[in-house]
Amino acid sequence: MGPDMKPDMGWGTEAGTAVTRGSGRRLGDRVRSVRAPLAAAALLAGAVACLAVVDPNRPGHYPICPLYALTGLYCPACGALRAVHDLAHGDLSGALGMNPLFVVCVPVVIAGWAIWALRSWQGRPVRPIPGHAAVTWGFLAVAIVFGVVRNTPFGLFLAP
């Protein structure tokens, strides 16, 4: 290192320099890059808070499932609002009784959000997981099978 060169200390050390860390991105740029994940989290937190306060088990607060209204059959998402209400109140067994597929998917969605937020903070592009098409088709197949089984006599334990 020459006499006029200074070592990089990570965070800006001289007056007037941008505050940076590791990748050379300014802190303001990092904060702006996580706006979308934080906005999504805030929107979801608001929806969960609404479901925690306004009980979907009481009729008249939320619209009925269109598939159930037209056919009397449960769709794969039937019971999800009640499951969120139960989860918001810490009732895991009640949530599993309403919609077990939804409850199993919650940690997967949280992990996906965390990866999105972390990669946005790092300034790295958010890429689909390898084999994402197969994962998407696999989830769709699981949801369809779940929707069919919960409407059969031997799958009534899956109905909300």
N, C-alpha and C. Protein backbone atom coordinates (compact mmCIF):
# COMPACT_ATOMS: atom_id res chain seq x y z
N MET A 1 0.85 -1.17 0.00
CA MET A 1 0.00 0.00 0.00
C MET A 1 0.89 1.23 0.00
N GLY A 2 0.56 2.17 -0.84
CA GLY A 2 1.34 3.39 -0.93
C GLY A 2 1.02 4.33 0.23
N PRO A 3 1.83 5.40 0.40
CA PRO A 3 1.60 6.32 1.52
C PRO A 3 0.30 7.08 1.42
N ASP A 4 -0.24 7.29 0.21
CA ASP A 4 -1.49 8.05 0.07
C ASP A 4 -2.73 7.15 0.06
N MET A 5 -2.57 5.84 0.17
CA MET A 5 -3.70 4.92 0.17
C MET A 5 -4.07 4.55 1.59
N LYS A 6 -5.35 4.46 1.85
CA LYS A 6 -5.83 4.12 3.19
C LYS A 6 -6.55 2.78 3.13
N PRO A 7 -6.44 1.98 4.17
CA PRO A 7 -7.15 0.68 4.15
C PRO A 7 -8.65 0.89 4.25
N ASP A 8 -9.39 -0.03 3.62
CA ASP A 8 -10.85 0.00 3.71
C ASP A 8 -11.27 -0.54 5.07
N MET A 9 -11.97 0.27 5.84
CA MET A 9 -12.37 -0.10 7.19
C MET A 9 -13.79 -0.66 7.24
N GLY A 10 -14.41 -0.88 6.09
CA GLY A 10 -15.78 -1.40 6.09
C GLY A 10 -16.78 -0.27 6.10
N TRP A 11 -17.02 0.32 7.24
CA TRP A 11 -17.92 1.47 7.34
C TRP A 11 -17.10 2.71 7.06
N GLY A 12 -17.67 3.71 6.38
CA GLY A 12 -16.96 4.93 6.02
C GLY A 12 -16.30 5.55 7.25
N THR A 13 -15.03 5.92 7.13
CA THR A 13 -14.30 6.45 8.28
C THR A 13 -13.94 7.90 8.12
N GLU A 14 -14.01 8.44 6.93
CA GLU A 14 -13.67 9.82 6.72
C GLU A 14 -14.93 10.66 6.61
N ALA A 15 -14.82 11.92 7.01
CA ALA A 15 -15.96 12.82 6.89
C ALA A 15 -16.32 12.98 5.42
N GLY A 16 -17.60 12.89 5.12
CA GLY A 16 -18.06 13.08 3.76
C GLY A 16 -18.10 11.80 2.93
N THR A 17 -17.60 10.69 3.46
CA THR A 17 -17.66 9.46 2.67
C THR A 17 -18.98 8.77 2.91
N ALA A 18 -19.40 8.03 1.92
CA ALA A 18 -20.65 7.28 2.05
C ALA A 18 -20.43 6.12 3.01
N VAL A 19 -21.44 5.82 3.79
CA VAL A 19 -21.36 4.69 4.70
C VAL A 19 -21.59 3.44 3.88
N THR A 20 -20.57 2.58 3.83
CA THR A 20 -20.67 1.36 3.04
C THR A 20 -20.27 0.18 3.89
N ARG A 21 -20.55 -0.96 3.39
CA ARG A 21 -20.19 -2.18 4.11
C ARG A 21 -19.93 -3.27 3.08
N GLY A 22 -18.80 -3.89 3.12
CA GLY A 22 -18.48 -5.06 2.32
C GLY A 22 -18.61 -4.87 0.82
N SER A 23 -19.82 -4.90 0.28
CA SER A 23 -20.02 -4.90 -1.16
C SER A 23 -19.84 -3.52 -1.77
N GLY A 24 -19.65 -2.49 -0.97
CA GLY A 24 -19.48 -1.16 -1.51
C GLY A 24 -20.79 -0.42 -1.71
N ARG A 25 -21.89 -1.01 -1.35
CA ARG A 25 -23.18 -0.34 -1.49
C ARG A 25 -23.42 0.57 -0.29
N ARG A 26 -23.95 1.74 -0.54
CA ARG A 26 -24.26 2.66 0.56
C ARG A 26 -25.41 2.12 1.38
N LEU A 27 -25.46 2.50 2.64
CA LEU A 27 -26.51 2.05 3.54
C LEU A 27 -27.89 2.48 3.02
N GLY A 28 -27.99 3.67 2.48
CA GLY A 28 -29.26 4.15 1.92
C GLY A 28 -29.74 3.28 0.78
N ASP A 29 -28.79 2.83 -0.06
CA ASP A 29 -29.16 1.93 -1.16
C ASP A 29 -29.66 0.59 -0.63
N ARG A 30 -29.03 0.11 0.43
CA ARG A 30 -29.46 -1.16 1.03
C ARG A 30 -30.87 -1.04 1.60
N VAL A 31 -31.13 0.06 2.28
CA VAL A 31 -32.45 0.26 2.88
C VAL A 31 -33.50 0.35 1.78
N ARG A 32 -33.20 1.09 0.70
CA ARG A 32 -34.14 1.18 -0.40
C ARG A 32 -34.38 -0.16 -1.06
N SER A 33 -33.38 -1.02 -1.08
CA SER A 33 -33.54 -2.31 -1.75
C SER A 33 -34.43 -3.27 -0.99
N VAL A 34 -34.63 -3.04 0.30
CA VAL A 34 -35.51 -3.93 1.08
C VAL A 34 -36.90 -3.34 1.28
N ARG A 35 -37.21 -2.29 0.56
CA ARG A 35 -38.55 -1.69 0.70
C ARG A 35 -39.65 -2.67 0.33
N ALA A 36 -39.48 -3.39 -0.77
CA ALA A 36 -40.53 -4.31 -1.22
C ALA A 36 -40.75 -5.44 -0.21
N PRO A 37 -39.68 -6.12 0.27
CA PRO A 37 -39.92 -7.16 1.28
C PRO A 37 -40.55 -6.61 2.56
N LEU A 38 -40.12 -5.42 2.98
CA LEU A 38 -40.69 -4.84 4.20
C LEU A 38 -42.14 -4.42 3.98
N ALA A 39 -42.46 -3.89 2.80
CA ALA A 39 -43.85 -3.52 2.50
C ALA A 39 -44.74 -4.77 2.48
N ALA A 40 -44.23 -5.85 1.89
CA ALA A 40 -44.99 -7.10 1.86
C ALA A 40 -45.22 -7.63 3.28
N ALA A 41 -44.18 -7.55 4.12
CA ALA A 41 -44.31 -8.01 5.51
C ALA A 41 -45.30 -7.14 6.28
N ALA A 42 -45.28 -5.84 6.06
CA ALA A 42 -46.21 -4.95 6.74
C ALA A 42 -47.65 -5.22 6.31
N LEU A 43 -47.85 -5.42 5.02
CA LEU A 43 -49.18 -5.73 4.51
C LEU A 43 -49.70 -7.04 5.10
N LEU A 44 -48.85 -8.05 5.12
CA LEU A 44 -49.24 -9.34 5.68
C LEU A 44 -49.50 -9.24 7.18
N ALA A 45 -48.67 -8.48 7.89
CA ALA A 45 -48.88 -8.30 9.33
C ALA A 45 -50.22 -7.60 9.60
N GLY A 46 -50.58 -6.64 8.75
CA GLY A 46 -51.87 -5.97 8.89
C GLY A 46 -53.03 -6.92 8.67
N ALA A 47 -52.89 -7.79 7.66
CA ALA A 47 -53.95 -8.77 7.39
C ALA A 47 -54.08 -9.77 8.54
N VAL A 48 -52.95 -10.22 9.09
CA VAL A 48 -52.99 -11.15 10.22
C VAL A 48 -53.61 -10.46 11.44
N ALA A 49 -53.25 -9.19 11.66
CA ALA A 49 -53.83 -8.46 12.79
C ALA A 49 -55.34 -8.32 12.64
N CYS A 50 -55.80 -8.05 11.42
CA CYS A 50 -57.24 -7.95 11.16
C CYS A 50 -57.93 -9.28 11.44
N LEU A 51 -57.30 -10.38 10.98
CA LEU A 51 -57.88 -11.70 11.23
C LEU A 51 -57.82 -12.09 12.70
N ALA A 52 -56.84 -11.57 13.42
CA ALA A 52 -56.75 -11.87 14.85
C ALA A 52 -57.86 -11.16 15.61
N VAL A 53 -58.24 -9.98 15.15
CA VAL A 53 -59.26 -9.19 15.85
C VAL A 53 -60.67 -9.57 15.42
N VAL A 54 -60.89 -9.72 14.11
CA VAL A 54 -62.22 -10.02 13.59
C VAL A 54 -62.29 -11.52 13.31
N ASP A 55 -63.01 -12.22 14.13
CA ASP A 55 -63.06 -13.68 14.10
C ASP A 55 -63.78 -14.19 12.85
N PRO A 56 -63.09 -14.95 11.98
CA PRO A 56 -63.75 -15.49 10.80
C PRO A 56 -64.70 -16.65 11.11
N ASN A 57 -64.71 -17.13 12.35
CA ASN A 57 -65.64 -18.19 12.73
C ASN A 57 -67.06 -17.66 12.91
N ARG A 58 -67.19 -16.35 13.09
CA ARG A 58 -68.51 -15.74 13.23
C ARG A 58 -69.02 -15.36 11.84
N PRO A 59 -70.22 -15.79 11.48
CA PRO A 59 -70.73 -15.51 10.13
C PRO A 59 -70.95 -14.02 9.90
N GLY A 60 -70.78 -13.62 8.63
CA GLY A 60 -71.06 -12.25 8.24
C GLY A 60 -69.86 -11.34 8.19
N HIS A 61 -68.71 -11.79 8.68
CA HIS A 61 -67.53 -10.92 8.67
C HIS A 61 -66.73 -11.03 7.38
N TYR A 62 -66.67 -12.20 6.80
CA TYR A 62 -65.89 -12.43 5.59
C TYR A 62 -66.76 -13.16 4.58
N PRO A 63 -66.47 -12.98 3.28
CA PRO A 63 -67.28 -13.69 2.28
C PRO A 63 -67.02 -15.19 2.33
N ILE A 64 -68.01 -15.95 1.91
CA ILE A 64 -67.89 -17.41 1.89
C ILE A 64 -67.09 -17.81 0.64
N CYS A 65 -66.44 -18.95 0.71
CA CYS A 65 -65.67 -19.48 -0.42
C CYS A 65 -66.62 -19.68 -1.61
N PRO A 66 -66.29 -19.14 -2.78
CA PRO A 66 -67.18 -19.29 -3.94
C PRO A 66 -67.40 -20.75 -4.33
N LEU A 67 -66.35 -21.58 -4.28
CA LEU A 67 -66.52 -22.99 -4.63
C LEU A 67 -67.46 -23.67 -3.66
N TYR A 68 -67.30 -23.38 -2.38
CA TYR A 68 -68.18 -23.98 -1.37
C TYR A 68 -69.62 -23.48 -1.53
N ALA A 69 -69.77 -22.19 -1.84
CA ALA A 69 -71.11 -21.63 -2.02
C ALA A 69 -71.82 -22.25 -3.22
N LEU A 70 -71.09 -22.52 -4.29
CA LEU A 70 -71.70 -23.05 -5.51
C LEU A 70 -71.88 -24.57 -5.49
N THR A 71 -70.93 -25.28 -4.87
CA THR A 71 -70.96 -26.74 -4.98
C THR A 71 -71.08 -27.48 -3.65
N GLY A 72 -70.77 -26.80 -2.55
CA GLY A 72 -70.75 -27.47 -1.26
C GLY A 72 -69.46 -28.25 -1.02
N LEU A 73 -68.48 -28.09 -1.92
CA LEU A 73 -67.19 -28.76 -1.78
C LEU A 73 -66.16 -27.80 -1.20
N TYR A 74 -65.23 -28.36 -0.41
CA TYR A 74 -64.16 -27.54 0.16
C TYR A 74 -63.02 -27.42 -0.83
N CYS A 75 -62.56 -26.21 -1.05
CA CYS A 75 -61.37 -26.01 -1.89
C CYS A 75 -60.13 -26.21 -1.03
N PRO A 76 -58.94 -26.28 -1.62
CA PRO A 76 -57.74 -26.47 -0.81
C PRO A 76 -57.48 -25.33 0.17
N ALA A 77 -58.05 -24.16 -0.07
CA ALA A 77 -57.83 -23.02 0.82
C ALA A 77 -58.92 -22.85 1.86
N CYS A 78 -60.00 -23.60 1.77
CA CYS A 78 -61.07 -23.46 2.75
C CYS A 78 -60.53 -23.69 4.16
N GLY A 79 -60.85 -22.79 5.04
CA GLY A 79 -60.39 -22.88 6.42
C GLY A 79 -59.12 -22.10 6.68
N ALA A 80 -58.50 -21.52 5.64
CA ALA A 80 -57.23 -20.81 5.82
C ALA A 80 -57.40 -19.55 6.68
N LEU A 81 -58.50 -18.81 6.49
CA LEU A 81 -58.71 -17.62 7.31
C LEU A 81 -58.86 -18.00 8.78
N ARG A 82 -59.60 -19.05 9.03
CA ARG A 82 -59.78 -19.52 10.40
C ARG A 82 -58.47 -20.06 10.96
N ALA A 83 -57.64 -20.67 10.10
CA ALA A 83 -56.32 -21.15 10.54
C ALA A 83 -55.42 -19.98 10.92
N VAL A 84 -55.45 -18.90 10.14
CA VAL A 84 -54.66 -17.71 10.48
C VAL A 84 -55.14 -17.14 11.81
N HIS A 85 -56.45 -17.08 12.00
CA HIS A 85 -56.99 -16.58 13.27
C HIS A 85 -56.49 -17.43 14.43
N ASP A 86 -56.54 -18.75 14.27
CA ASP A 86 -56.07 -19.64 15.33
C ASP A 86 -54.58 -19.49 15.56
N LEU A 87 -53.78 -19.38 14.50
CA LEU A 87 -52.34 -19.19 14.66
C LEU A 87 -52.03 -17.86 15.34
N ALA A 88 -52.78 -16.83 15.01
CA ALA A 88 -52.57 -15.52 15.65
C ALA A 88 -52.86 -15.58 17.14
N HIS A 89 -53.70 -16.51 17.56
CA HIS A 89 -54.01 -16.68 18.98
C HIS A 89 -53.22 -17.82 19.62
N GLY A 90 -52.25 -18.37 18.87
CA GLY A 90 -51.38 -19.40 19.40
C GLY A 90 -51.99 -20.78 19.48
N ASP A 91 -53.07 -21.02 18.77
CA ASP A 91 -53.75 -22.31 18.79
C ASP A 91 -53.34 -23.14 17.58
N LEU A 92 -52.21 -23.83 17.68
CA LEU A 92 -51.70 -24.61 16.56
C LEU A 92 -52.61 -25.78 16.22
N SER A 93 -53.13 -26.46 17.24
CA SER A 93 -54.00 -27.60 16.95
C SER A 93 -55.30 -27.15 16.28
N GLY A 94 -55.84 -26.02 16.68
CA GLY A 94 -57.04 -25.48 16.03
C GLY A 94 -56.76 -25.11 14.58
N ALA A 95 -55.59 -24.53 14.33
CA ALA A 95 -55.21 -24.16 12.97
C ALA A 95 -55.03 -25.40 12.11
N LEU A 96 -54.41 -26.43 12.65
CA LEU A 96 -54.26 -27.68 11.91
C LEU A 96 -55.61 -28.32 11.60
N GLY A 97 -56.57 -28.14 12.49
CA GLY A 97 -57.91 -28.66 12.27
C GLY A 97 -58.66 -27.92 11.18
N MET A 98 -58.32 -26.66 10.97
CA MET A 98 -58.99 -25.86 9.95
C MET A 98 -58.42 -26.11 8.56
N ASN A 99 -57.07 -26.09 8.44
CA ASN A 99 -56.44 -26.31 7.14
C ASN A 99 -54.98 -26.72 7.36
N PRO A 100 -54.71 -28.02 7.46
CA PRO A 100 -53.34 -28.47 7.72
C PRO A 100 -52.36 -28.13 6.60
N LEU A 101 -52.80 -28.12 5.35
CA LEU A 101 -51.90 -27.78 4.25
C LEU A 101 -51.42 -26.34 4.38
N PHE A 102 -52.32 -25.45 4.73
CA PHE A 102 -51.95 -24.05 4.92
C PHE A 102 -50.93 -23.90 6.05
N VAL A 103 -51.18 -24.57 7.16
CA VAL A 103 -50.29 -24.47 8.32
C VAL A 103 -48.89 -24.99 7.97
N VAL A 104 -48.81 -26.05 7.18
CA VAL A 104 -47.52 -26.59 6.77
C VAL A 104 -46.80 -25.61 5.83
N CYS A 105 -47.55 -24.87 5.04
CA CYS A 105 -46.95 -23.93 4.09
C CYS A 105 -46.46 -22.63 4.74
N VAL A 106 -46.95 -22.29 5.91
CA VAL A 106 -46.57 -21.03 6.57
C VAL A 106 -45.05 -20.93 6.77
N PRO A 107 -44.38 -21.93 7.35
CA PRO A 107 -42.92 -21.80 7.51
C PRO A 107 -42.18 -21.70 6.18
N VAL A 108 -42.69 -22.35 5.15
CA VAL A 108 -42.05 -22.27 3.83
C VAL A 108 -42.15 -20.86 3.28
N VAL A 109 -43.30 -20.23 3.45
CA VAL A 109 -43.49 -18.86 2.98
C VAL A 109 -42.61 -17.90 3.78
N ILE A 110 -42.51 -18.10 5.08
CA ILE A 110 -41.65 -17.24 5.91
C ILE A 110 -40.19 -17.39 5.49
N ALA A 111 -39.75 -18.61 5.23
CA ALA A 111 -38.37 -18.83 4.78
C ALA A 111 -38.13 -18.16 3.43
N GLY A 112 -39.09 -18.27 2.52
CA GLY A 112 -38.96 -17.61 1.22
C GLY A 112 -38.88 -16.10 1.36
N TRP A 113 -39.69 -15.53 2.25
CA TRP A 113 -39.63 -14.09 2.49
C TRP A 113 -38.27 -13.70 3.07
N ALA A 114 -37.75 -14.48 4.00
CA ALA A 114 -36.45 -14.18 4.62
C ALA A 114 -35.34 -14.20 3.57
N ILE A 115 -35.38 -15.17 2.67
CA ILE A 115 -34.37 -15.23 1.60
C ILE A 115 -34.50 -14.02 0.69
N TRP A 116 -35.72 -13.65 0.36
CA TRP A 116 -35.97 -12.47 -0.48
C TRP A 116 -35.41 -11.22 0.19
N ALA A 117 -35.72 -11.03 1.47
CA ALA A 117 -35.25 -9.84 2.19
C ALA A 117 -33.73 -9.82 2.29
N LEU A 118 -33.12 -10.96 2.61
CA LEU A 118 -31.66 -11.02 2.74
C LEU A 118 -30.98 -10.74 1.42
N ARG A 119 -31.44 -11.36 0.35
CA ARG A 119 -30.82 -11.14 -0.96
C ARG A 119 -31.02 -9.69 -1.42
N SER A 120 -32.16 -9.10 -1.10
CA SER A 120 -32.38 -7.70 -1.45
C SER A 120 -31.42 -6.80 -0.67
N TRP A 121 -31.24 -7.08 0.60
CA TRP A 121 -30.33 -6.31 1.44
C TRP A 121 -28.90 -6.41 0.92
N GLN A 122 -28.52 -7.57 0.45
CA GLN A 122 -27.16 -7.79 -0.05
C GLN A 122 -26.98 -7.25 -1.47
N GLY A 123 -28.07 -6.85 -2.11
CA GLY A 123 -27.98 -6.35 -3.47
C GLY A 123 -27.84 -7.45 -4.50
N ARG A 124 -28.16 -8.66 -4.12
CA ARG A 124 -28.07 -9.80 -5.02
C ARG A 124 -29.43 -10.03 -5.66
N PRO A 125 -29.45 -10.46 -6.91
CA PRO A 125 -30.75 -10.71 -7.55
C PRO A 125 -31.46 -11.89 -6.88
N VAL A 126 -32.76 -11.79 -6.83
CA VAL A 126 -33.56 -12.87 -6.29
C VAL A 126 -33.86 -13.82 -7.44
N ARG A 127 -33.28 -15.00 -7.35
CA ARG A 127 -33.43 -15.98 -8.42
C ARG A 127 -34.36 -17.08 -7.97
N PRO A 128 -35.08 -17.67 -8.92
CA PRO A 128 -35.90 -18.82 -8.54
C PRO A 128 -35.02 -19.99 -8.11
N ILE A 129 -35.56 -20.82 -7.26
CA ILE A 129 -34.81 -21.99 -6.81
C ILE A 129 -34.60 -22.93 -7.99
N PRO A 130 -33.53 -23.71 -7.96
CA PRO A 130 -33.33 -24.68 -9.05
C PRO A 130 -34.52 -25.64 -9.13
N GLY A 131 -34.98 -25.87 -10.32
CA GLY A 131 -36.12 -26.77 -10.51
C GLY A 131 -37.43 -26.15 -10.04
N HIS A 132 -37.53 -24.81 -10.08
CA HIS A 132 -38.73 -24.15 -9.55
C HIS A 132 -40.00 -24.57 -10.28
N ALA A 133 -39.89 -24.89 -11.55
CA ALA A 133 -41.08 -25.33 -12.28
C ALA A 133 -41.60 -26.65 -11.71
N ALA A 134 -40.68 -27.56 -11.40
CA ALA A 134 -41.08 -28.85 -10.83
C ALA A 134 -41.67 -28.65 -9.44
N VAL A 135 -41.11 -27.73 -8.66
CA VAL A 135 -41.64 -27.44 -7.33
C VAL A 135 -43.04 -26.85 -7.43
N THR A 136 -43.22 -25.93 -8.37
CA THR A 136 -44.54 -25.31 -8.57
C THR A 136 -45.58 -26.34 -8.98
N TRP A 137 -45.24 -27.18 -9.95
CA TRP A 137 -46.17 -28.23 -10.39
C TRP A 137 -46.42 -29.23 -9.27
N GLY A 138 -45.39 -29.54 -8.51
CA GLY A 138 -45.55 -30.47 -7.39
C GLY A 138 -46.49 -29.91 -6.33
N PHE A 139 -46.33 -28.62 -6.01
CA PHE A 139 -47.23 -28.01 -5.03
C PHE A 139 -48.65 -27.98 -5.56
N LEU A 140 -48.82 -27.67 -6.83
CA LEU A 140 -50.16 -27.65 -7.42
C LEU A 140 -50.79 -29.04 -7.33
N ALA A 141 -50.02 -30.08 -7.61
CA ALA A 141 -50.53 -31.46 -7.52
C ALA A 141 -50.93 -31.79 -6.09
N VAL A 142 -50.10 -31.40 -5.11
CA VAL A 142 -50.41 -31.64 -3.69
C VAL A 142 -51.70 -30.91 -3.31
N ALA A 143 -51.85 -29.66 -3.76
CA ALA A 143 -53.06 -28.89 -3.43
C ALA A 143 -54.30 -29.53 -4.04
N ILE A 144 -54.19 -30.01 -5.27
CA ILE A 144 -55.35 -30.66 -5.90
C ILE A 144 -55.71 -31.95 -5.18
N VAL A 145 -54.71 -32.77 -4.87
CA VAL A 145 -54.97 -34.02 -4.15
C VAL A 145 -55.57 -33.71 -2.78
N PHE A 146 -55.03 -32.71 -2.09
CA PHE A 146 -55.56 -32.31 -0.80
C PHE A 146 -57.02 -31.88 -0.92
N GLY A 147 -57.33 -31.06 -1.96
CA GLY A 147 -58.71 -30.61 -2.18
C GLY A 147 -59.66 -31.76 -2.47
N VAL A 148 -59.20 -32.75 -3.21
CA VAL A 148 -60.05 -33.90 -3.53
C VAL A 148 -60.25 -34.77 -2.29
N VAL A 149 -59.14 -35.08 -1.61
CA VAL A 149 -59.21 -36.00 -0.46
C VAL A 149 -60.07 -35.41 0.66
N ARG A 150 -59.99 -34.11 0.89
CA ARG A 150 -60.76 -33.54 2.00
C ARG A 150 -62.27 -33.55 1.74
N ASN A 151 -62.67 -33.85 0.50
CA ASN A 151 -64.09 -33.94 0.17
C ASN A 151 -64.59 -35.38 0.04
N THR A 152 -63.76 -36.34 0.42
CA THR A 152 -64.16 -37.74 0.38
C THR A 152 -64.51 -38.22 1.79
N PRO A 153 -65.27 -39.30 1.90
CA PRO A 153 -65.64 -39.79 3.24
C PRO A 153 -64.44 -40.16 4.10
N PHE A 154 -63.37 -40.71 3.51
CA PHE A 154 -62.21 -41.09 4.32
C PHE A 154 -61.29 -39.90 4.59
N GLY A 155 -61.54 -38.74 3.99
CA GLY A 155 -60.71 -37.55 4.21
C GLY A 155 -61.43 -36.47 4.98
N LEU A 156 -62.55 -36.80 5.62
CA LEU A 156 -63.29 -35.78 6.35
C LEU A 156 -62.51 -35.14 7.47
N PHE A 157 -61.49 -35.84 7.98
CA PHE A 157 -60.67 -35.25 9.04
C PHE A 157 -59.87 -34.06 8.55
N LEU A 158 -59.75 -33.88 7.22
CA LEU A 158 -59.05 -32.74 6.63
C LEU A 158 -59.98 -31.56 6.37
N ALA A 159 -61.29 -31.77 6.49
CA ALA A 159 -62.25 -30.70 6.23
C ALA A 159 -62.26 -29.72 7.41
N PRO A 160 -62.51 -28.44 7.10
CA PRO A 160 -62.55 -27.45 8.21
C PRO A 160 -63.76 -27.62 9.10
